[in-house]
Amino acid sequence: MARLKITQVRSKIGGKQNQRDSLRSLGLKRIGDVVVKEDRPEIRGMVAVVTHLVDVEEVD
């Protein structure tokens, strides 16, 4: 199964509560943090909420 490399590139300050919650659920706490998650619909949904705050790459 594919994996997603998610990097936080912008601050969550000033964002809506659901965006801050999504970043926290993904495991991102500060700019520059990187997590690798399985490519699942739940993860894709959280990424969709914060697309303007993160960069996403597919990793094998």
C-alpha atoms as a PDB file:
ATOM      1  CA  MET A   1       0.000   0.000   0.000  1.00  0.00           C
ATOM      2  CA  ALA A   2       1.215   3.491  -0.796  1.00  0.00           C
ATOM      3  CA  ARG A   3       2.347   5.860   1.893  1.00  0.00           C
ATOM      4  CA  LEU A   4       2.102   9.646   2.141  1.00  0.00           C
ATOM      5  CA  LYS A   5       4.899  11.913   3.331  1.00  0.00           C
ATOM      6  CA  ILE A   6       3.221  14.963   4.870  1.00  0.00           C
ATOM      7  CA  THR A   7       5.259  18.079   5.711  1.00  0.00           C
ATOM      8  CA  GLN A   8       3.882  21.115   7.526  1.00  0.00           C
ATOM      9  CA  VAL A   9       5.009  24.243   5.677  1.00  0.00           C
ATOM     10  CA  ARG A  10       2.754  26.948   7.147  1.00  0.00           C
ATOM     11  CA  SER A  11       1.629  27.896  10.628  1.00  0.00           C
ATOM     12  CA  LYS A  12      -1.679  26.837  12.139  1.00  0.00           C
ATOM     13  CA  ILE A  13      -1.955  30.183  13.946  1.00  0.00           C
ATOM     14  CA  GLY A  14      -5.119  31.949  12.859  1.00  0.00           C
ATOM     15  CA  GLY A  15      -6.574  28.766  11.421  1.00  0.00           C
ATOM     16  CA  LYS A  16      -9.965  27.312  12.276  1.00  0.00           C
ATOM     17  CA  GLN A  17     -10.303  24.794  15.091  1.00  0.00           C
ATOM     18  CA  ASN A  18     -10.945  21.879  12.713  1.00  0.00           C
ATOM     19  CA  GLN A  19      -7.719  22.689  10.845  1.00  0.00           C
ATOM     20  CA  ARG A  20      -5.698  22.754  14.073  1.00  0.00           C
ATOM     21  CA  ASP A  21      -7.317  19.490  15.145  1.00  0.00           C
ATOM     22  CA  SER A  22      -6.490  17.864  11.805  1.00  0.00           C
ATOM     23  CA  LEU A  23      -2.823  18.883  12.045  1.00  0.00           C
ATOM     24  CA  ARG A  24      -2.620  17.507  15.580  1.00  0.00           C
ATOM     25  CA  SER A  25      -4.297  14.241  14.527  1.00  0.00           C
ATOM     26  CA  LEU A  26      -1.784  13.889  11.717  1.00  0.00           C
ATOM     27  CA  GLY A  27       1.011  14.324  14.274  1.00  0.00           C
ATOM     28  CA  LEU A  28       2.206  17.718  13.051  1.00  0.00           C
ATOM     29  CA  LYS A  29       3.122  20.247  15.733  1.00  0.00           C
ATOM     30  CA  ARG A  30       5.336  22.857  14.073  1.00  0.00           C
ATOM     31  CA  ILE A  31       6.593  24.064  10.716  1.00  0.00           C
ATOM     32  CA  GLY A  32       9.048  21.589   9.250  1.00  0.00           C
ATOM     33  CA  ASP A  33       7.570  18.525  10.957  1.00  0.00           C
ATOM     34  CA  VAL A  34       7.310  15.480   8.686  1.00  0.00           C
ATOM     35  CA  VAL A  35       5.175  12.373   9.146  1.00  0.00           C
ATOM     36  CA  VAL A  36       4.695   9.319   6.957  1.00  0.00           C
ATOM     37  CA  LYS A  37       1.199   7.824   7.004  1.00  0.00           C
ATOM     38  CA  GLU A  38      -0.592   5.050   5.136  1.00  0.00           C
ATOM     39  CA  ASP A  39      -2.637   6.278   2.169  1.00  0.00           C
ATOM     40  CA  ARG A  40      -6.105   5.773   3.649  1.00  0.00           C
ATOM     41  CA  PRO A  41      -9.359   7.691   3.127  1.00  0.00           C
ATOM     42  CA  GLU A  42      -9.248   8.999   6.713  1.00  0.00           C
ATOM     43  CA  ILE A  43      -5.774  10.462   6.226  1.00  0.00           C
ATOM     44  CA  ARG A  44      -6.712  11.896   2.808  1.00  0.00           C
ATOM     45  CA  GLY A  45      -9.687  13.626   4.441  1.00  0.00           C
ATOM     46  CA  MET A  46      -7.536  15.238   7.127  1.00  0.00           C
ATOM     47  CA  VAL A  47      -5.026  16.365   4.489  1.00  0.00           C
ATOM     48  CA  ALA A  48      -7.855  17.842   2.396  1.00  0.00           C
ATOM     49  CA  VAL A  49      -8.800  20.115   5.312  1.00  0.00           C
ATOM     50  CA  VAL A  50      -5.260  21.538   5.576  1.00  0.00           C
ATOM     51  CA  THR A  51      -3.992  21.425   1.978  1.00  0.00           C
ATOM     52  CA  HIS A  52      -2.878  25.061   2.217  1.00  0.00           C
ATOM     53  CA  LEU A  53      -0.705  24.295   5.276  1.00  0.00           C
ATOM     54  CA  VAL A  54       1.052  21.098   4.163  1.00  0.00           C
ATOM     55  CA  ASP A  55       2.959  19.504   1.279  1.00  0.00           C
ATOM     56  CA  VAL A  56       2.115  15.912   0.414  1.00  0.00           C
ATOM     57  CA  GLU A  57       4.255  13.407  -1.495  1.00  0.00           C
ATOM     58  CA  GLU A  58       3.646   9.757  -2.272  1.00  0.00           C
ATOM     59  CA  VAL A  59       6.391   7.480  -0.988  1.00  0.00           C
ATOM     60  CA  ASP A  60       6.882   3.776  -1.702  1.00  0.00           C
END
